[in-house]
Protein backbone atom coordinates (compact mmCIF):
# COMPACT_ATOMS: atom_id res chain seq x y z
CA UNK A 1 109.07 82.54 84.47
CA UNK A 2 106.90 79.95 82.49
CA UNK A 3 105.31 80.80 79.38
CA UNK A 4 101.84 80.68 81.18
CA UNK A 5 102.77 83.22 83.28
CA UNK A 6 102.95 85.53 80.60
CA UNK A 7 99.88 83.98 79.01
CA UNK A 8 96.57 85.48 80.45
CA UNK A 9 94.22 84.03 78.08
CA UNK A 10 96.12 80.35 78.61
CA UNK A 11 96.58 81.17 82.68
CA UNK A 12 92.76 82.47 82.83
CA UNK A 13 91.96 78.65 81.11
CA UNK A 14 94.53 76.55 83.82
CA UNK A 15 92.84 78.20 86.61
CA UNK A 16 89.17 77.31 85.11
CA UNK A 17 89.85 73.79 84.70
CA UNK A 18 91.78 73.14 87.71
CA UNK A 19 88.51 74.87 89.62
CA UNK A 20 85.90 72.76 87.58
CA UNK A 21 88.19 69.56 88.03
CA UNK A 22 89.45 69.93 91.88
CA UNK A 23 88.63 72.82 93.75
CA UNK A 24 84.69 72.48 93.40
CA UNK A 25 84.58 68.77 93.67
CA UNK A 26 86.62 69.29 97.05
CA UNK A 27 83.98 71.89 98.31
CA UNK A 28 81.17 69.57 97.22
CA UNK A 29 82.27 67.25 99.88
CA UNK A 30 81.26 69.21 102.86
CA UNK A 31 79.01 72.08 101.12
CA UNK A 32 76.95 71.75 98.00
CA UNK A 33 77.08 74.77 95.61
CA UNK A 34 73.75 75.13 94.22
CA UNK A 35 72.05 77.79 91.83
CA UNK A 36 71.59 81.16 92.91
CA UNK A 37 74.10 81.17 95.49
CA UNK A 38 76.37 84.08 95.60
CA UNK A 39 80.13 83.54 95.17
CA UNK A 40 82.50 86.27 96.06
CA UNK A 41 86.48 85.77 94.85
CA UNK A 42 89.25 88.10 96.57
CA UNK A 43 92.20 88.49 94.38
CA UNK A 44 90.45 87.18 91.59
CA UNK A 45 92.75 88.15 88.77
CA UNK A 46 91.71 87.39 85.42
CA UNK A 47 88.73 85.44 87.17
CA UNK A 48 89.36 81.84 85.91
CA UNK A 49 88.56 80.46 89.07
CA UNK A 50 85.44 82.73 89.46
CA UNK A 51 84.10 81.61 86.08
CA UNK A 52 83.67 77.79 87.37
CA UNK A 53 81.63 79.32 90.09
CA UNK A 54 79.20 80.92 87.36
CA UNK A 55 78.91 77.84 85.49
CA UNK A 56 78.12 75.91 88.44
CA UNK A 57 75.01 78.63 88.79
CA UNK A 58 76.19 81.08 91.34
CA UNK A 59 76.40 84.75 91.13
CA UNK A 60 79.58 86.47 91.29
CA UNK A 61 81.85 89.40 92.10
CA UNK A 62 85.48 89.52 91.53
CA UNK A 63 87.80 92.16 93.79
CA UNK A 64 91.16 92.60 92.33
CA UNK A 65 93.51 95.73 93.12
CA UNK A 66 95.67 95.23 89.99
CA UNK A 67 93.70 96.92 87.37
CA UNK A 68 95.26 95.47 84.53
CA UNK A 69 94.66 92.14 85.44
CA UNK A 70 91.08 92.92 86.08
CA UNK A 71 90.73 94.66 82.63
CA UNK A 72 91.78 91.19 81.31
CA UNK A 73 88.89 89.63 83.28
CA UNK A 74 86.70 91.92 81.90
CA UNK A 75 87.65 91.06 78.37
CA UNK A 76 87.48 87.08 79.38
CA UNK A 77 84.03 87.65 81.15
CA UNK A 78 82.40 89.91 78.69
CA UNK A 79 79.60 87.79 78.04
CA UNK A 80 79.16 86.91 82.06
CA UNK A 81 79.15 91.05 82.95
CA UNK A 82 76.58 91.63 79.98
CA UNK A 83 74.33 89.17 81.41
CA UNK A 84 75.01 90.52 84.98
CA UNK A 85 76.12 87.17 86.52
CA UNK A 86 79.14 88.89 87.49
CA UNK A 87 80.75 92.04 88.48
CA UNK A 88 84.33 93.32 89.53
CA UNK A 89 85.56 95.94 92.01
CA UNK A 90 89.17 97.20 91.71
CA UNK A 91 90.02 97.82 95.07
CA UNK A 92 92.17 96.39 98.12
CA UNK A 93 89.62 94.14 100.09
CA UNK A 94 90.21 95.79 103.34
CA UNK A 95 88.42 99.07 101.86
CA UNK A 96 85.26 96.75 100.66
CA UNK A 97 82.02 97.04 102.56
CA UNK A 98 79.56 93.76 101.57
CA UNK A 99 76.57 95.66 101.90
CA UNK A 100 77.71 98.98 100.06
CA UNK A 101 79.93 97.87 97.43
CA UNK A 102 79.29 94.40 96.53
CA UNK A 103 75.31 94.27 96.99
CA UNK A 104 75.53 92.05 99.91
CA UNK A 105 76.90 88.94 101.74
CA UNK A 106 78.05 85.70 100.13
CA UNK A 107 77.40 81.94 100.30
CA UNK A 108 80.83 81.17 99.44
CA UNK A 109 84.32 83.14 99.60
CA UNK A 110 86.98 82.02 97.42
CA UNK A 111 90.72 83.01 98.17
CA UNK A 112 92.76 80.91 95.54
CA UNK A 113 96.82 81.05 95.97
CA UNK A 114 95.84 84.47 97.18
CA UNK A 115 96.24 84.16 101.26
CA UNK A 116 100.09 83.69 101.50
CA UNK A 117 100.08 87.49 99.60
CA UNK A 118 97.97 88.97 102.36
CA UNK A 119 99.89 91.23 104.90
CA UNK A 120 97.14 91.19 107.54
CA UNK A 121 96.06 87.62 107.48
CA UNK A 122 94.45 87.78 110.92
CA UNK A 123 92.41 90.97 110.24
CA UNK A 124 91.49 89.71 106.98
CA UNK A 125 89.69 86.36 108.28
CA UNK A 126 88.06 88.70 110.84
CA UNK A 127 86.82 91.05 108.20
CA UNK A 128 85.40 88.05 106.09
CA UNK A 129 82.57 87.16 108.94
CA UNK A 130 81.03 90.22 107.88
CA UNK A 131 80.84 89.03 104.21
CA UNK A 132 79.28 85.79 104.91
CA UNK A 133 75.69 84.63 105.31
CA UNK A 134 74.77 82.55 107.73
CA UNK A 135 75.93 79.02 107.12
CA UNK A 136 78.51 80.54 104.37
CA UNK A 137 82.11 79.30 103.82
CA UNK A 138 85.56 80.37 102.95
CA UNK A 139 87.81 78.24 100.71
CA UNK A 140 91.23 78.81 100.52
CA UNK A 141 93.98 77.22 99.01
CA UNK A 142 97.78 78.16 99.17
CA UNK A 143 101.57 76.75 99.10
CA UNK A 144 102.64 76.21 102.45
CA UNK A 145 105.84 78.65 102.75
CA UNK A 146 108.26 75.95 103.41
CA UNK A 147 107.69 73.66 100.31
CA UNK A 148 109.93 73.81 97.26
CA UNK A 149 108.68 76.94 95.68
CA UNK A 150 106.50 78.50 98.35
CA UNK A 151 108.32 81.60 97.69
CA UNK A 152 106.81 82.10 94.13
CA UNK A 153 110.02 82.20 92.65
CA UNK A 154 108.99 80.27 89.49
CA UNK A 155 107.60 83.87 88.48
CA UNK A 156 111.38 84.94 88.46
CA UNK A 157 112.76 85.41 84.86
CA UNK A 158 116.10 84.07 85.55
CA UNK A 159 117.52 80.62 86.55
CA UNK A 160 115.88 81.19 90.13
CA UNK A 161 112.82 80.28 88.82
CA UNK A 162 113.94 76.49 88.51
CA UNK A 163 115.81 76.47 92.23
CA UNK A 164 113.62 75.00 95.28
CA UNK A 165 113.98 76.35 98.61
CA UNK A 166 115.77 79.20 97.75
CA UNK A 167 113.35 81.31 99.50
CA UNK A 168 114.47 79.94 102.80
CA UNK A 169 117.92 81.09 102.48
CA UNK A 170 118.82 83.87 105.01
CA UNK A 171 116.73 87.18 104.02
CA UNK A 172 120.21 89.37 102.82
CA UNK A 173 121.26 86.38 100.88
CA UNK A 174 118.16 85.82 99.15
CA UNK A 175 117.73 89.58 98.50
CA UNK A 176 121.53 89.49 97.00
CA UNK A 177 120.61 86.74 94.56
CA UNK A 178 117.59 88.40 93.48
CA UNK A 179 119.55 92.00 93.09
CA UNK A 180 122.10 90.09 90.92
CA UNK A 181 119.89 88.41 88.70
CA UNK A 182 117.95 91.32 88.16
CA UNK A 183 114.54 90.45 89.91
CA UNK A 184 111.34 91.67 91.29
CA UNK A 185 113.03 92.36 94.50
CA UNK A 186 110.46 94.19 96.30
CA UNK A 187 107.58 91.89 95.22
CA UNK A 188 109.58 88.74 96.41
CA UNK A 189 110.59 90.14 99.69
CA UNK A 190 107.17 91.04 99.98
CA UNK A 191 105.95 87.17 99.41
CA UNK A 192 108.62 86.01 101.79
CA UNK A 193 107.22 88.46 104.81
CA UNK A 194 103.70 86.85 104.14
CA UNK A 195 104.24 83.31 103.37
CA UNK A 196 102.08 81.12 105.75
CA UNK A 197 102.88 77.53 107.02
CA UNK A 198 100.10 74.95 107.53
CA UNK A 199 100.61 75.22 111.40
CA UNK A 200 100.17 79.41 111.14
CA UNK A 201 97.01 79.32 109.45
CA UNK A 202 95.54 76.50 111.54
CA UNK A 203 96.54 78.62 114.65
CA UNK A 204 94.81 81.73 113.14
CA UNK A 205 91.44 80.02 112.86
CA UNK A 206 91.46 79.46 116.19
CA UNK A 207 92.31 82.81 116.95
CA UNK A 208 90.00 84.34 115.07
CA UNK A 209 86.99 81.54 115.68
CA UNK A 210 86.64 79.71 112.53
CA UNK A 211 86.22 75.97 112.47
CA UNK A 212 87.72 74.00 109.91
CA UNK A 213 85.35 72.07 108.01
CA UNK A 214 87.58 70.17 105.46
CA UNK A 215 91.30 69.84 104.62
CA UNK A 216 93.45 68.31 102.26
CA UNK A 217 97.00 68.67 101.68
CA UNK A 218 98.79 67.50 98.23
CA UNK A 219 102.34 66.03 97.64
CA UNK A 220 101.55 67.62 94.14
CA UNK A 221 99.64 70.68 93.31
CA UNK A 222 96.60 69.60 91.33
CA UNK A 223 97.06 72.46 88.92
CA UNK A 224 100.35 70.93 87.72
CA UNK A 225 98.40 68.84 85.58
CA UNK A 226 98.00 71.98 83.37
CA UNK A 227 101.16 73.39 83.99
CA UNK A 228 103.74 70.40 84.16
CA UNK A 229 101.45 67.23 82.93
CA UNK A 230 101.77 66.14 86.56
CA UNK A 231 98.60 64.12 87.98
CA UNK A 232 97.52 65.62 91.54
CA UNK A 233 98.46 63.73 94.17
CA UNK A 234 97.33 63.83 97.61
CA UNK A 235 100.22 63.89 100.79
CA UNK A 236 100.68 60.56 102.46
CA UNK A 237 98.61 60.55 105.72
CA UNK A 238 101.76 59.38 107.47
CA UNK A 239 103.61 62.42 106.28
CA UNK A 240 100.54 64.90 106.67
CA UNK A 241 100.16 64.25 110.37
CA UNK A 242 103.89 65.40 111.00
CA UNK A 243 103.50 68.92 112.06
CA UNK A 244 106.10 71.26 110.47
CA UNK A 245 107.85 68.76 108.53
CA UNK A 246 104.76 68.15 106.38
CA UNK A 247 105.40 71.89 104.87
CA UNK A 248 108.55 70.91 103.29
CA UNK A 249 106.95 68.35 101.26
CA UNK A 250 103.24 69.53 100.64
CA UNK A 251 103.07 71.78 97.35
CA UNK A 252 99.32 72.94 98.23
CA UNK A 253 96.61 72.62 100.40
CA UNK A 254 92.68 72.98 100.35
CA UNK A 255 90.84 74.39 103.37
CA UNK A 256 87.36 75.00 103.96
CA UNK A 257 86.79 76.87 107.24
CA UNK A 258 83.67 78.27 108.59
CA UNK A 259 82.73 80.60 111.64
CA UNK A 260 82.38 78.29 114.81
CA UNK A 261 78.81 79.17 115.33
CA UNK A 262 77.92 79.11 111.76
CA UNK A 263 76.82 82.73 111.56
CA UNK A 264 78.77 85.70 110.43
């Protein structure tokens, strides 16, 4: 586990800066975020990502099942909460009703490094249509499963945190290594079971009748600038065009999707 995973305030700031510099500009290429829009972040954690949308003029809501992380969000976002610019809900998103629990629908829904943790990914995409205003969008950013650290092994506390592609070992072998190194087996195996490739995600969009409005593949994830001092680098076009193979060398993907008819 790297130091920033333990420092919640630092991680909050990294998420905020990355969103300001990369996520919002990416969205603005196809969809203009303007004052008064409603933004929902699912799996908001400490809400560093959501803060950037509030600073862009949005009213916000964050849904996060981890109550401890949400306590930190309340602390770090105290002034925004006091000014009624944002509110938080500690609940599984599948148990949330937009009108009853969140005060209505949203112009923008954000899932940053969250979708790869969802067990029923197809079900979530279907459900999100009921959270969107007409013309609203969903932004998703996630690491393709086959990329070097697609198993999120960087959260490990042992040497495993620095070994790329180890999550692609046969499940019994991977589980044995996690046990031997006293890692959180349940969490990491869960990530293995929900990891998603580029192809699977795009197929899910077709099945649930979303159109892909915009997408970008990164050789070097933009957030690496703050984590490791590496500048963001988009994937080579020749490689990003090769199905499946591109998953192994793409550290992050950004998508904007929208219901096919533009309505929810």
